[in-house]
């Protein structure tokens, strides 16, 4: 056996092991959704159910609160993603290609939140939105997190690598800064926007602590908030909980599978800048 063949075998074995370690929890959660109330935590461990209870998925889908939470969370995630792309891309362009007073200071100011843990400012953020009367509104879930220093930094790194010749040619042709941004930079940012957009969507979809603090209206309850409430109120119905968790994970899984090649391309391109 040649050295290259042994190396290839080791790589494939490691790849299979890593894939199994990642997929096993998801597969167990989906299959646990077909189990009974106590069968999920039964001992000894049993991967497959003795009786497949398809009714669990039907029951959780028939729950109006679950359906409402999924719909509200999806709506908020779409708005949040669009807002994040708009705000962070414009800020990144300004910080990457414009010259203005105190530019270095504002750049440091914008990326400073990257180094501050969210939990450290959670209480002060709650006080601010309370004073602004934003509690129990969709805005309280969207506006505070739209501007992201991480995403701003990510897009700025990409814009720094854009050829200056394109921008100079556009300015010679009479384009304004806004036209340069919308007609040259935005169309070239597809892969990076996919990475930023997916990050924003996942951040909103998986949020739990912030919705728990700011949302008490059942009509605005987020999906992770719903699952947490379901766990505390009906903790013995593990089959239903696993079914709901599986359905809640499906949109993000489908999103990642659909855009995976753009994610890889966006990370690679930004990493080279």
Foldseek 3Di string as FASTA:
>chain_A
DDPVVVVVVVVVVVVVVVVCVVCVVLLQLQQLLQEFLCLSVDPPDDSHHPGGRPVLLVVLVPPPLLVLQLVLLVVLLVVLLVLLLVVLLVLLCCLQPNDDPPSVVVLCVLLVVVPPDPVVCVVVLLVVCVVVVNFAHSCSLRVVPSRDNVLSVLNNLLVNPDDVVLVVVCVVVPDDPVCCCVVPVVVVCVLSSLQSSLVSSCCSLPDAPSCVSRHDDSSNHHNNPVLVVCCVPVVSGSSSSSSSVSVSCVVSVVSCVVCVVSPVVSVVSSVVD
